[in-house]
Amino acid sequence: MQFQGKITEADLKEAQKMSVSKMYWPKLLLKNWYGLALVLALIWATISGLLGWTNPNWRNIAIIWTVVVGIILWVVYSTKRTIAREFTQLNATLPDQLSLTTEGLKIDGPNGASAFLPWRTFKGWREGGRVVLIDQSQGNSFVILPVAQLSELERLSLRQYLQSHIPALST
């Protein structure tokens, strides 16, 4: 079986969702607890003022909200621009072709480079709607197989092929 090595942005997003741990968001929020605390205090001040419990300086509250919204918009814009640049760089380094053989995974990279990974170097695989991630035993790395273009029959064949060589991981 052969697969295109290059991926789309939708494939990358799904691979990222599949590879992020369940504790990612709680850890991120706890790491930035001071920002979260300031935003929660601002929300409390706004709500308590609207309900009449306190008498805040509305001009200052509006200025603070403007700054907070401005920071959020800048972060979103900056992140999207960075992700687009990193996606372009990532796709340039991804292999041109991936081939599943009886011995392992043959990788034909850019500029004529090639590599071979025997099946014993993988610990499992996970399937999503657009990609299949094959996890390597060493470290937290994985190989991405783009499968969005495959029919359900081809996917079934791929699942059976992978199951015969490496175990499926629970997602």
C-alpha atoms as a PDB file:
ATOM      1  CA  MET A   1       0.000   0.000   0.000  1.00  0.00           C
ATOM      2  CA  GLN A   2       1.267   3.430  -0.883  1.00  0.00           C
ATOM      3  CA  PHE A   3       0.332   6.795   0.559  1.00  0.00           C
ATOM      4  CA  GLN A   4       1.105  10.387  -0.261  1.00  0.00           C
ATOM      5  CA  GLY A   5       3.470  11.736   2.412  1.00  0.00           C
ATOM      6  CA  LYS A   6       2.320  15.360   2.213  1.00  0.00           C
ATOM      7  CA  ILE A   7      -0.673  16.363   4.315  1.00  0.00           C
ATOM      8  CA  THR A   8      -3.296  19.101   4.264  1.00  0.00           C
ATOM      9  CA  GLU A   9      -3.972  21.604   7.048  1.00  0.00           C
ATOM     10  CA  ALA A  10      -7.118  19.623   7.974  1.00  0.00           C
ATOM     11  CA  ASP A  11      -4.991  16.463   8.269  1.00  0.00           C
ATOM     12  CA  LEU A  12      -2.532  18.291  10.533  1.00  0.00           C
ATOM     13  CA  LYS A  13      -5.312  19.630  12.769  1.00  0.00           C
ATOM     14  CA  GLU A  14      -6.736  16.149  13.217  1.00  0.00           C
ATOM     15  CA  ALA A  15      -3.293  14.675  13.927  1.00  0.00           C
ATOM     16  CA  GLN A  16      -2.722  17.374  16.553  1.00  0.00           C
ATOM     17  CA  LYS A  17      -6.090  16.664  18.201  1.00  0.00           C
ATOM     18  CA  MET A  18      -5.327  12.949  18.259  1.00  0.00           C
ATOM     19  CA  SER A  19      -1.849  13.418  19.733  1.00  0.00           C
ATOM     20  CA  VAL A  20      -2.675  15.972  22.457  1.00  0.00           C
ATOM     21  CA  SER A  21      -3.125  14.452  25.908  1.00  0.00           C
ATOM     22  CA  LYS A  22      -6.427  14.759  27.751  1.00  0.00           C
ATOM     23  CA  MET A  23      -4.718  16.920  30.391  1.00  0.00           C
ATOM     24  CA  TYR A  24      -3.436  19.518  27.886  1.00  0.00           C
ATOM     25  CA  TRP A  25      -6.076  22.199  28.538  1.00  0.00           C
ATOM     26  CA  PRO A  26      -6.167  21.848  32.343  1.00  0.00           C
ATOM     27  CA  LYS A  27      -2.359  22.058  32.444  1.00  0.00           C
ATOM     28  CA  LEU A  28      -2.365  25.086  30.143  1.00  0.00           C
ATOM     29  CA  LEU A  29      -4.929  26.887  32.306  1.00  0.00           C
ATOM     30  CA  LEU A  30      -3.059  26.068  35.508  1.00  0.00           C
ATOM     31  CA  LYS A  31       0.221  27.199  33.990  1.00  0.00           C
ATOM     32  CA  ASN A  32      -1.365  30.580  33.184  1.00  0.00           C
ATOM     33  CA  TRP A  33      -3.404  30.879  36.368  1.00  0.00           C
ATOM     34  CA  TYR A  34      -2.584  34.564  36.878  1.00  0.00           C
ATOM     35  CA  GLY A  35      -4.099  35.583  33.515  1.00  0.00           C
ATOM     36  CA  LEU A  36      -7.124  33.397  34.152  1.00  0.00           C
ATOM     37  CA  ALA A  37      -7.523  34.949  37.619  1.00  0.00           C
ATOM     38  CA  LEU A  38      -7.376  38.496  36.186  1.00  0.00           C
ATOM     39  CA  VAL A  39      -9.970  37.710  33.506  1.00  0.00           C
ATOM     40  CA  LEU A  40     -12.249  36.058  36.091  1.00  0.00           C
ATOM     41  CA  ALA A  41     -11.892  39.125  38.347  1.00  0.00           C
ATOM     42  CA  LEU A  42     -12.792  41.381  35.416  1.00  0.00           C
ATOM     43  CA  ILE A  43     -15.826  39.226  34.621  1.00  0.00           C
ATOM     44  CA  TRP A  44     -16.901  39.316  38.266  1.00  0.00           C
ATOM     45  CA  ALA A  45     -16.498  43.115  38.403  1.00  0.00           C
ATOM     46  CA  THR A  46     -18.537  43.553  35.227  1.00  0.00           C
ATOM     47  CA  ILE A  47     -21.330  41.189  36.293  1.00  0.00           C
ATOM     48  CA  SER A  48     -21.540  42.578  39.827  1.00  0.00           C
ATOM     49  CA  GLY A  49     -21.729  46.100  38.397  1.00  0.00           C
ATOM     50  CA  LEU A  50     -24.450  45.123  35.949  1.00  0.00           C
ATOM     51  CA  LEU A  51     -26.462  43.475  38.743  1.00  0.00           C
ATOM     52  CA  GLY A  52     -26.073  46.534  40.941  1.00  0.00           C
ATOM     53  CA  TRP A  53     -24.030  44.833  43.675  1.00  0.00           C
ATOM     54  CA  THR A  54     -21.134  47.262  43.153  1.00  0.00           C
ATOM     55  CA  ASN A  55     -20.644  50.634  41.514  1.00  0.00           C
ATOM     56  CA  PRO A  56     -17.575  50.240  39.265  1.00  0.00           C
ATOM     57  CA  ASN A  57     -15.941  52.926  37.148  1.00  0.00           C
ATOM     58  CA  TRP A  58     -17.484  51.898  33.820  1.00  0.00           C
ATOM     59  CA  ARG A  59     -15.007  53.857  31.720  1.00  0.00           C
ATOM     60  CA  ASN A  60     -12.070  51.988  33.272  1.00  0.00           C
ATOM     61  CA  ILE A  61     -13.890  48.652  32.921  1.00  0.00           C
ATOM     62  CA  ALA A  62     -14.495  49.421  29.211  1.00  0.00           C
ATOM     63  CA  ILE A  63     -10.819  50.323  28.705  1.00  0.00           C
ATOM     64  CA  ILE A  64      -9.694  47.108  30.406  1.00  0.00           C
ATOM     65  CA  TRP A  65     -12.128  45.013  28.314  1.00  0.00           C
ATOM     66  CA  THR A  66     -10.824  46.730  25.147  1.00  0.00           C
ATOM     67  CA  VAL A  67      -7.246  45.871  26.094  1.00  0.00           C
ATOM     68  CA  VAL A  68      -8.193  42.250  26.918  1.00  0.00           C
ATOM     69  CA  VAL A  69     -10.090  41.802  23.632  1.00  0.00           C
ATOM     70  CA  GLY A  70      -7.199  43.420  21.740  1.00  0.00           C
ATOM     71  CA  ILE A  71      -4.708  41.012  23.329  1.00  0.00           C
ATOM     72  CA  ILE A  72      -6.931  38.030  22.524  1.00  0.00           C
ATOM     73  CA  LEU A  73      -7.318  39.122  18.881  1.00  0.00           C
ATOM     74  CA  TRP A  74      -3.559  39.676  18.557  1.00  0.00           C
ATOM     75  CA  VAL A  75      -2.825  36.231  20.033  1.00  0.00           C
ATOM     76  CA  VAL A  76      -5.304  34.537  17.675  1.00  0.00           C
ATOM     77  CA  TYR A  77      -3.907  36.352  14.625  1.00  0.00           C
ATOM     78  CA  SER A  78      -0.293  35.718  15.620  1.00  0.00           C
ATOM     79  CA  THR A  79      -0.976  32.046  16.317  1.00  0.00           C
ATOM     80  CA  LYS A  80      -2.733  31.501  12.978  1.00  0.00           C
ATOM     81  CA  ARG A  81       0.136  33.163  11.118  1.00  0.00           C
ATOM     82  CA  THR A  82       2.721  31.067  12.993  1.00  0.00           C
ATOM     83  CA  ILE A  83       0.773  27.845  12.381  1.00  0.00           C
ATOM     84  CA  ALA A  84       0.543  28.591   8.643  1.00  0.00           C
ATOM     85  CA  ARG A  85       4.307  29.205   8.458  1.00  0.00           C
ATOM     86  CA  GLU A  86       5.106  26.070  10.475  1.00  0.00           C
ATOM     87  CA  PHE A  87       2.724  23.982   8.349  1.00  0.00           C
ATOM     88  CA  THR A  88       4.565  25.046   5.194  1.00  0.00           C
ATOM     89  CA  GLN A  89       7.914  24.156   6.799  1.00  0.00           C
ATOM     90  CA  LEU A  90       6.569  20.813   8.068  1.00  0.00           C
ATOM     91  CA  ASN A  91       5.166  19.786   4.688  1.00  0.00           C
ATOM     92  CA  ALA A  92       8.526  20.572   3.076  1.00  0.00           C
ATOM     93  CA  THR A  93      10.200  18.034   5.387  1.00  0.00           C
ATOM     94  CA  LEU A  94       7.541  15.313   5.138  1.00  0.00           C
ATOM     95  CA  PRO A  95       8.230  12.364   2.841  1.00  0.00           C
ATOM     96  CA  ASP A  96       6.909  12.333  -0.695  1.00  0.00           C
ATOM     97  CA  GLN A  97       5.739   8.713  -0.490  1.00  0.00           C
ATOM     98  CA  LEU A  98       5.027   6.181   2.287  1.00  0.00           C
ATOM     99  CA  SER A  99       4.844   2.488   1.416  1.00  0.00           C
ATOM    100  CA  LEU A 100       3.611  -0.262   3.725  1.00  0.00           C
ATOM    101  CA  THR A 101       5.526  -3.470   3.061  1.00  0.00           C
ATOM    102  CA  THR A 102       5.485  -6.866   4.763  1.00  0.00           C
ATOM    103  CA  GLU A 103       8.721  -5.948   6.587  1.00  0.00           C
ATOM    104  CA  GLY A 104       7.844  -2.392   7.632  1.00  0.00           C
ATOM    105  CA  LEU A 105       7.336   1.161   6.454  1.00  0.00           C
ATOM    106  CA  LYS A 106       9.390   2.450   3.522  1.00  0.00           C
ATOM    107  CA  ILE A 107       9.745   6.221   3.403  1.00  0.00           C
ATOM    108  CA  ASP A 108      10.752   8.079   0.241  1.00  0.00           C
ATOM    109  CA  GLY A 109      11.639  11.589   1.306  1.00  0.00           C
ATOM    110  CA  PRO A 110      12.312  14.854  -0.394  1.00  0.00           C
ATOM    111  CA  ASN A 111      15.446  15.202  -2.559  1.00  0.00           C
ATOM    112  CA  GLY A 112      15.727  11.431  -3.086  1.00  0.00           C
ATOM    113  CA  ALA A 113      16.262  10.553   0.596  1.00  0.00           C
ATOM    114  CA  SER A 114      14.796   7.258   1.781  1.00  0.00           C
ATOM    115  CA  ALA A 115      14.421   5.369   5.038  1.00  0.00           C
ATOM    116  CA  PHE A 116      12.992   2.103   6.273  1.00  0.00           C
ATOM    117  CA  LEU A 117      11.301   1.474   9.639  1.00  0.00           C
ATOM    118  CA  PRO A 118      10.633  -2.186  10.494  1.00  0.00           C
ATOM    119  CA  TRP A 119       7.315  -3.020  12.173  1.00  0.00           C
ATOM    120  CA  ARG A 120       9.036  -3.732  15.502  1.00  0.00           C
ATOM    121  CA  THR A 121       9.865   0.003  15.808  1.00  0.00           C
ATOM    122  CA  PHE A 122       6.154   0.803  16.189  1.00  0.00           C
ATOM    123  CA  LYS A 123       4.084   0.322  19.333  1.00  0.00           C
ATOM    124  CA  GLY A 124       0.617   0.889  17.877  1.00  0.00           C
ATOM    125  CA  TRP A 125      -1.654   2.929  15.674  1.00  0.00           C
ATOM    126  CA  ARG A 126      -4.736   5.153  15.953  1.00  0.00           C
ATOM    127  CA  GLU A 127      -7.303   6.001  13.303  1.00  0.00           C
ATOM    128  CA  GLY A 128      -9.108   9.283  12.838  1.00  0.00           C
ATOM    129  CA  GLY A 129     -11.420  10.543  10.137  1.00  0.00           C
ATOM    130  CA  ARG A 130      -8.647  11.964   7.949  1.00  0.00           C
ATOM    131  CA  VAL A 131      -5.408  10.375   9.198  1.00  0.00           C
ATOM    132  CA  VAL A 132      -3.949   7.257  10.753  1.00  0.00           C
ATOM    133  CA  LEU A 133      -1.166   7.830  13.274  1.00  0.00           C
ATOM    134  CA  ILE A 134       1.392   5.045  13.646  1.00  0.00           C
ATOM    135  CA  ASP A 135       3.174   5.560  16.977  1.00  0.00           C
ATOM    136  CA  GLN A 136       6.856   4.783  17.212  1.00  0.00           C
ATOM    137  CA  SER A 137       8.232   2.941  20.244  1.00  0.00           C
ATOM    138  CA  GLN A 138      10.983   5.478  20.882  1.00  0.00           C
ATOM    139  CA  GLY A 139       9.855   8.886  22.132  1.00  0.00           C
ATOM    140  CA  ASN A 140       6.581  10.561  21.281  1.00  0.00           C
ATOM    141  CA  SER A 141       6.952  10.514  17.507  1.00  0.00           C
ATOM    142  CA  PHE A 142       4.539   9.082  14.990  1.00  0.00           C
ATOM    143  CA  VAL A 143       4.060   8.654  11.262  1.00  0.00           C
ATOM    144  CA  ILE A 144       1.014  10.280   9.654  1.00  0.00           C
ATOM    145  CA  LEU A 145      -0.834   8.361   6.940  1.00  0.00           C
ATOM    146  CA  PRO A 146      -3.352  10.619   5.165  1.00  0.00           C
ATOM    147  CA  VAL A 147      -6.449   8.471   4.545  1.00  0.00           C
ATOM    148  CA  ALA A 148      -9.146  11.060   3.790  1.00  0.00           C
ATOM    149  CA  GLN A 149      -9.255  10.029   0.125  1.00  0.00           C
ATOM    150  CA  LEU A 150      -9.661   6.300   0.856  1.00  0.00           C
ATOM    151  CA  SER A 151     -12.992   4.518   0.508  1.00  0.00           C
ATOM    152  CA  GLU A 152     -14.404   2.589   3.464  1.00  0.00           C
ATOM    153  CA  LEU A 153     -13.359  -0.689   1.819  1.00  0.00           C
ATOM    154  CA  GLU A 154      -9.779   0.573   1.428  1.00  0.00           C
ATOM    155  CA  ARG A 155      -9.785   1.733   5.062  1.00  0.00           C
ATOM    156  CA  LEU A 156     -10.967  -1.693   6.191  1.00  0.00           C
ATOM    157  CA  SER A 157      -8.136  -3.281   4.238  1.00  0.00           C
ATOM    158  CA  LEU A 158      -5.657  -0.841   5.829  1.00  0.00           C
ATOM    159  CA  ARG A 159      -6.997  -1.586   9.339  1.00  0.00           C
ATOM    160  CA  GLN A 160      -6.613  -5.322   8.803  1.00  0.00           C
ATOM    161  CA  TYR A 161      -3.116  -4.847   7.399  1.00  0.00           C
ATOM    162  CA  LEU A 162      -2.003  -2.694  10.347  1.00  0.00           C
ATOM    163  CA  GLN A 163      -3.611  -5.045  12.897  1.00  0.00           C
ATOM    164  CA  SER A 164      -1.660  -7.946  11.437  1.00  0.00           C
ATOM    165  CA  HIS A 165       1.617  -6.096  12.068  1.00  0.00           C
ATOM    166  CA  ILE A 166       1.095  -3.822  15.113  1.00  0.00           C
ATOM    167  CA  PRO A 167      -1.606  -3.491  17.798  1.00  0.00           C
ATOM    168  CA  ALA A 168      -4.257  -0.769  17.658  1.00  0.00           C
ATOM    169  CA  LEU A 169      -4.118   1.825  20.454  1.00  0.00           C
ATOM    170  CA  SER A 170      -7.260   3.046  22.142  1.00  0.00           C
ATOM    171  CA  THR A 171      -8.050   6.670  21.310  1.00  0.00           C
END
